[in-house]
Amino acid sequence: MNEVLKNASNKSALHGTPEVQQLATLLSSTRDTLVNQTTRLFLNFDLIFQELLPPQN
């Protein structure tokens, strides 16, 4: 995916088309969404485990 974004950001005539720029934007947005959802998932796991595990002294 990084290769696609790298190529899409290239300003050459081949890679500067609106379609490729739209694809790069969509991929970037999708990546950001997945990262945010994964972060929330792990934070939720952390909260669940804190409730389930006894405190360590």
PDB file of N, CA and C in Angstrom:
ATOM      1  N   MET A   1       0.824  -1.189   0.000  1.00  0.00           N
ATOM      2  CA  MET A   1       0.000   0.000   0.000  1.00  0.00           C
ATOM      3  C   MET A   1       0.867   1.250   0.000  1.00  0.00           C
ATOM      4  N   ASN A   2       1.965   1.238   0.745  1.00  0.00           N
ATOM      5  CA  ASN A   2       2.847   2.397   0.753  1.00  0.00           C
ATOM      6  C   ASN A   2       3.369   2.690  -0.642  1.00  0.00           C
ATOM      7  N   GLU A   3       3.618   1.631  -1.415  1.00  0.00           N
ATOM      8  CA  GLU A   3       4.092   1.819  -2.784  1.00  0.00           C
ATOM      9  C   GLU A   3       3.032   2.514  -3.632  1.00  0.00           C
ATOM     10  N   VAL A   4       1.775   2.148  -3.448  1.00  0.00           N
ATOM     11  CA  VAL A   4       0.690   2.793  -4.193  1.00  0.00           C
ATOM     12  C   VAL A   4       0.610   4.264  -3.825  1.00  0.00           C
ATOM     13  N   LEU A   5       0.665   4.558  -2.529  1.00  0.00           N
ATOM     14  CA  LEU A   5       0.594   5.957  -2.094  1.00  0.00           C
ATOM     15  C   LEU A   5       1.793   6.742  -2.583  1.00  0.00           C
ATOM     16  N   LYS A   6       2.970   6.122  -2.558  1.00  0.00           N
ATOM     17  CA  LYS A   6       4.184   6.790  -3.034  1.00  0.00           C
ATOM     18  C   LYS A   6       4.047   7.110  -4.516  1.00  0.00           C
ATOM     19  N   ASN A   7       3.601   6.125  -5.297  1.00  0.00           N
ATOM     20  CA  ASN A   7       3.441   6.345  -6.727  1.00  0.00           C
ATOM     21  C   ASN A   7       2.340   7.353  -7.016  1.00  0.00           C
ATOM     22  N   ALA A   8       1.279   7.317  -6.224  1.00  0.00           N
ATOM     23  CA  ALA A   8       0.168   8.239  -6.451  1.00  0.00           C
ATOM     24  C   ALA A   8       0.569   9.675  -6.149  1.00  0.00           C
ATOM     25  N   SER A   9       1.511   9.851  -5.234  1.00  0.00           N
ATOM     26  CA  SER A   9       1.938  11.209  -4.902  1.00  0.00           C
ATOM     27  C   SER A   9       2.962  11.739  -5.898  1.00  0.00           C
ATOM     28  N   ASN A  10       3.462  10.884  -6.780  1.00  0.00           N
ATOM     29  CA  ASN A  10       4.393  11.288  -7.824  1.00  0.00           C
ATOM     30  C   ASN A  10       3.653  12.209  -8.789  1.00  0.00           C
ATOM     31  N   LYS A  11       4.244  13.345  -9.120  1.00  0.00           N
ATOM     32  CA  LYS A  11       3.562  14.343  -9.937  1.00  0.00           C
ATOM     33  C   LYS A  11       3.816  14.160 -11.435  1.00  0.00           C
ATOM     34  N   SER A  12       4.310  13.006 -11.859  1.00  0.00           N
ATOM     35  CA  SER A  12       4.516  12.774 -13.286  1.00  0.00           C
ATOM     36  C   SER A  12       3.166  12.733 -13.986  1.00  0.00           C
ATOM     37  N   ALA A  13       3.176  12.839 -15.304  1.00  0.00           N
ATOM     38  CA  ALA A  13       1.933  12.845 -16.072  1.00  0.00           C
ATOM     39  C   ALA A  13       1.151  11.554 -15.866  1.00  0.00           C
ATOM     40  N   LEU A  14       1.857  10.439 -15.763  1.00  0.00           N
ATOM     41  CA  LEU A  14       1.188   9.149 -15.599  1.00  0.00           C
ATOM     42  C   LEU A  14       0.491   9.043 -14.253  1.00  0.00           C
ATOM     43  N   HIS A  15       1.134   9.533 -13.210  1.00  0.00           N
ATOM     44  CA  HIS A  15       0.604   9.351 -11.863  1.00  0.00           C
ATOM     45  C   HIS A  15      -0.185  10.556 -11.357  1.00  0.00           C
ATOM     46  N   GLY A  16      -0.267  11.602 -12.136  1.00  0.00           N
ATOM     47  CA  GLY A  16      -0.932  12.810 -11.665  1.00  0.00           C
ATOM     48  C   GLY A  16      -2.403  12.880 -12.027  1.00  0.00           C
ATOM     49  N   THR A  17      -2.966  11.772 -12.463  1.00  0.00           N
ATOM     50  CA  THR A  17      -4.369  11.800 -12.876  1.00  0.00           C
ATOM     51  C   THR A  17      -5.283  11.918 -11.662  1.00  0.00           C
ATOM     52  N   PRO A  18      -6.430  12.539 -11.841  1.00  0.00           N
ATOM     53  CA  PRO A  18      -7.368  12.677 -10.714  1.00  0.00           C
ATOM     54  C   PRO A  18      -7.798  11.331 -10.138  1.00  0.00           C
ATOM     55  N   GLU A  19      -7.947  10.329 -10.998  1.00  0.00           N
ATOM     56  CA  GLU A  19      -8.372   9.018 -10.507  1.00  0.00           C
ATOM     57  C   GLU A  19      -7.360   8.430  -9.542  1.00  0.00           C
ATOM     58  N   VAL A  20      -6.081   8.547  -9.887  1.00  0.00           N
ATOM     59  CA  VAL A  20      -5.026   8.005  -9.025  1.00  0.00           C
ATOM     60  C   VAL A  20      -4.958   8.803  -7.730  1.00  0.00           C
ATOM     61  N   GLN A  21      -5.123  10.107  -7.817  1.00  0.00           N
ATOM     62  CA  GLN A  21      -5.121  10.931  -6.612  1.00  0.00           C
ATOM     63  C   GLN A  21      -6.307  10.579  -5.717  1.00  0.00           C
ATOM     64  N   GLN A  22      -7.467  10.321  -6.326  1.00  0.00           N
ATOM     65  CA  GLN A  22      -8.640   9.916  -5.542  1.00  0.00           C
ATOM     66  C   GLN A  22      -8.397   8.571  -4.870  1.00  0.00           C
ATOM     67  N   LEU A  23      -7.764   7.647  -5.597  1.00  0.00           N
ATOM     68  CA  LEU A  23      -7.453   6.338  -5.026  1.00  0.00           C
ATOM     69  C   LEU A  23      -6.489   6.482  -3.855  1.00  0.00           C
ATOM     70  N   ALA A  24      -5.472   7.317  -4.014  1.00  0.00           N
ATOM     71  CA  ALA A  24      -4.513   7.533  -2.930  1.00  0.00           C
ATOM     72  C   ALA A  24      -5.204   8.117  -1.704  1.00  0.00           C
ATOM     73  N   THR A  25      -6.110   9.056  -1.917  1.00  0.00           N
ATOM     74  CA  THR A  25      -6.855   9.655  -0.806  1.00  0.00           C
ATOM     75  C   THR A  25      -7.736   8.618  -0.126  1.00  0.00           C
ATOM     76  N   LEU A  26      -8.407   7.798  -0.914  1.00  0.00           N
ATOM     77  CA  LEU A  26      -9.262   6.750  -0.359  1.00  0.00           C
ATOM     78  C   LEU A  26      -8.445   5.747   0.443  1.00  0.00           C
ATOM     79  N   LEU A  27      -7.307   5.324  -0.097  1.00  0.00           N
ATOM     80  CA  LEU A  27      -6.455   4.371   0.617  1.00  0.00           C
ATOM     81  C   LEU A  27      -5.928   4.967   1.914  1.00  0.00           C
ATOM     82  N   SER A  28      -5.539   6.219   1.869  1.00  0.00           N
ATOM     83  CA  SER A  28      -5.037   6.881   3.069  1.00  0.00           C
ATOM     84  C   SER A  28      -6.130   6.978   4.129  1.00  0.00           C
ATOM     85  N   SER A  29      -7.325   7.340   3.702  1.00  0.00           N
ATOM     86  CA  SER A  29      -8.452   7.440   4.630  1.00  0.00           C
ATOM     87  C   SER A  29      -8.799   6.077   5.215  1.00  0.00           C
ATOM     88  N   THR A  30      -8.776   5.052   4.373  1.00  0.00           N
ATOM     89  CA  THR A  30      -9.060   3.694   4.835  1.00  0.00           C
ATOM     90  C   THR A  30      -8.020   3.245   5.848  1.00  0.00           C
ATOM     91  N   ARG A  31      -6.758   3.532   5.561  1.00  0.00           N
ATOM     92  CA  ARG A  31      -5.677   3.183   6.491  1.00  0.00           C
ATOM     93  C   ARG A  31      -5.886   3.877   7.827  1.00  0.00           C
ATOM     94  N   ASP A  32      -6.181   5.170   7.793  1.00  0.00           N
ATOM     95  CA  ASP A  32      -6.385   5.922   9.033  1.00  0.00           C
ATOM     96  C   ASP A  32      -7.556   5.353   9.837  1.00  0.00           C
ATOM     97  N   THR A  33      -8.631   4.996   9.141  1.00  0.00           N
ATOM     98  CA  THR A  33      -9.794   4.418   9.817  1.00  0.00           C
ATOM     99  C   THR A  33      -9.434   3.097  10.474  1.00  0.00           C
ATOM    100  N   LEU A  34      -8.710   2.243   9.757  1.00  0.00           N
ATOM    101  CA  LEU A  34      -8.315   0.950  10.319  1.00  0.00           C
ATOM    102  C   LEU A  34      -7.394   1.116  11.521  1.00  0.00           C
ATOM    103  N   VAL A  35      -6.471   2.059  11.451  1.00  0.00           N
ATOM    104  CA  VAL A  35      -5.572   2.314  12.579  1.00  0.00           C
ATOM    105  C   VAL A  35      -6.378   2.786  13.787  1.00  0.00           C
ATOM    106  N   ASN A  36      -7.309   3.703  13.567  1.00  0.00           N
ATOM    107  CA  ASN A  36      -8.129   4.212  14.673  1.00  0.00           C
ATOM    108  C   ASN A  36      -8.991   3.116  15.286  1.00  0.00           C
ATOM    109  N   GLN A  37      -9.599   2.290  14.447  1.00  0.00           N
ATOM    110  CA  GLN A  37     -10.440   1.207  14.966  1.00  0.00           C
ATOM    111  C   GLN A  37      -9.606   0.185  15.729  1.00  0.00           C
ATOM    112  N   THR A  38      -8.423  -0.122  15.222  1.00  0.00           N
ATOM    113  CA  THR A  38      -7.545  -1.075  15.902  1.00  0.00           C
ATOM    114  C   THR A  38      -7.095  -0.523  17.247  1.00  0.00           C
ATOM    115  N   THR A  39      -6.780   0.760  17.288  1.00  0.00           N
ATOM    116  CA  THR A  39      -6.382   1.393  18.544  1.00  0.00           C
ATOM    117  C   THR A  39      -7.504   1.309  19.567  1.00  0.00           C
ATOM    118  N   ARG A  40      -8.726   1.629  19.144  1.00  0.00           N
ATOM    119  CA  ARG A  40      -9.878   1.538  20.056  1.00  0.00           C
ATOM    120  C   ARG A  40     -10.095   0.111  20.534  1.00  0.00           C
ATOM    121  N   LEU A  41      -9.928  -0.852  19.647  1.00  0.00           N
ATOM    122  CA  LEU A  41     -10.105  -2.254  20.013  1.00  0.00           C
ATOM    123  C   LEU A  41      -9.118  -2.656  21.098  1.00  0.00           C
ATOM    124  N   PHE A  42      -7.849  -2.293  20.934  1.00  0.00           N
ATOM    125  CA  PHE A  42      -6.852  -2.657  21.931  1.00  0.00           C
ATOM    126  C   PHE A  42      -7.054  -1.904  23.243  1.00  0.00           C
ATOM    127  N   LEU A  43      -7.524  -0.671  23.173  1.00  0.00           N
ATOM    128  CA  LEU A  43      -7.840   0.053  24.403  1.00  0.00           C
ATOM    129  C   LEU A  43      -8.995  -0.626  25.137  1.00  0.00           C
ATOM    130  N   ASN A  44      -9.981  -1.094  24.385  1.00  0.00           N
ATOM    131  CA  ASN A  44     -11.090  -1.823  25.008  1.00  0.00           C
ATOM    132  C   ASN A  44     -10.607  -3.122  25.628  1.00  0.00           C
ATOM    133  N   PHE A  45      -9.724  -3.842  24.937  1.00  0.00           N
ATOM    134  CA  PHE A  45      -9.151  -5.063  25.506  1.00  0.00           C
ATOM    135  C   PHE A  45      -8.424  -4.753  26.804  1.00  0.00           C
ATOM    136  N   ASP A  46      -7.684  -3.666  26.816  1.00  0.00           N
ATOM    137  CA  ASP A  46      -6.941  -3.283  28.013  1.00  0.00           C
ATOM    138  C   ASP A  46      -7.898  -3.036  29.180  1.00  0.00           C
ATOM    139  N   LEU A  47      -8.986  -2.340  28.916  1.00  0.00           N
ATOM    140  CA  LEU A  47      -9.973  -2.081  29.973  1.00  0.00           C
ATOM    141  C   LEU A  47     -10.608  -3.376  30.472  1.00  0.00           C
ATOM    142  N   ILE A  48     -10.927  -4.268  29.565  1.00  0.00           N
ATOM    143  CA  ILE A  48     -11.525  -5.553  29.953  1.00  0.00           C
ATOM    144  C   ILE A  48     -10.557  -6.348  30.812  1.00  0.00           C
ATOM    145  N   PHE A  49      -9.303  -6.419  30.393  1.00  0.00           N
ATOM    146  CA  PHE A  49      -8.318  -7.186  31.159  1.00  0.00           C
ATOM    147  C   PHE A  49      -8.063  -6.564  32.527  1.00  0.00           C
ATOM    148  N   GLN A  50      -8.115  -5.252  32.619  1.00  0.00           N
ATOM    149  CA  GLN A  50      -7.944  -4.604  33.919  1.00  0.00           C
ATOM    150  C   GLN A  50      -9.073  -4.993  34.871  1.00  0.00           C
ATOM    151  N   GLU A  51     -10.267  -5.160  34.335  1.00  0.00           N
ATOM    152  CA  GLU A  51     -11.405  -5.555  35.171  1.00  0.00           C
ATOM    153  C   GLU A  51     -11.341  -7.029  35.551  1.00  0.00           C
ATOM    154  N   LEU A  52     -10.815  -7.861  34.663  1.00  0.00           N
ATOM    155  CA  LEU A  52     -10.801  -9.303  34.899  1.00  0.00           C
ATOM    156  C   LEU A  52      -9.638  -9.767  35.767  1.00  0.00           C
ATOM    157  N   LEU A  53      -8.504  -9.121  35.617  1.00  0.00           N
ATOM    158  CA  LEU A  53      -7.317  -9.566  36.340  1.00  0.00           C
ATOM    159  C   LEU A  53      -7.254  -8.920  37.718  1.00  0.00           C
ATOM    160  N   PRO A  54      -6.823  -9.678  38.706  1.00  0.00           N
ATOM    161  CA  PRO A  54      -6.677  -9.085  40.045  1.00  0.00           C
ATOM    162  C   PRO A  54      -5.520  -8.087  40.051  1.00  0.00           C
ATOM    163  N   PRO A  55      -5.584  -7.088  40.909  1.00  0.00           N
ATOM    164  CA  PRO A  55      -4.492  -6.107  40.989  1.00  0.00           C
ATOM    165  C   PRO A  55      -3.200  -6.787  41.421  1.00  0.00           C
ATOM    166  N   GLN A  56      -2.113  -6.356  40.826  1.00  0.00           N
ATOM    167  CA  GLN A  56      -0.805  -6.909  41.182  1.00  0.00           C
ATOM    168  C   GLN A  56      -0.116  -5.956  42.150  1.00  0.00           C
ATOM    169  N   ASN A  57       0.296  -6.495  43.279  1.00  0.00           N
ATOM    170  CA  ASN A  57       0.955  -5.661  44.301  1.00  0.00           C
ATOM    171  C   ASN A  57       2.437  -5.876  44.292  1.00  0.00           C
TER     172      ASN A  57
END
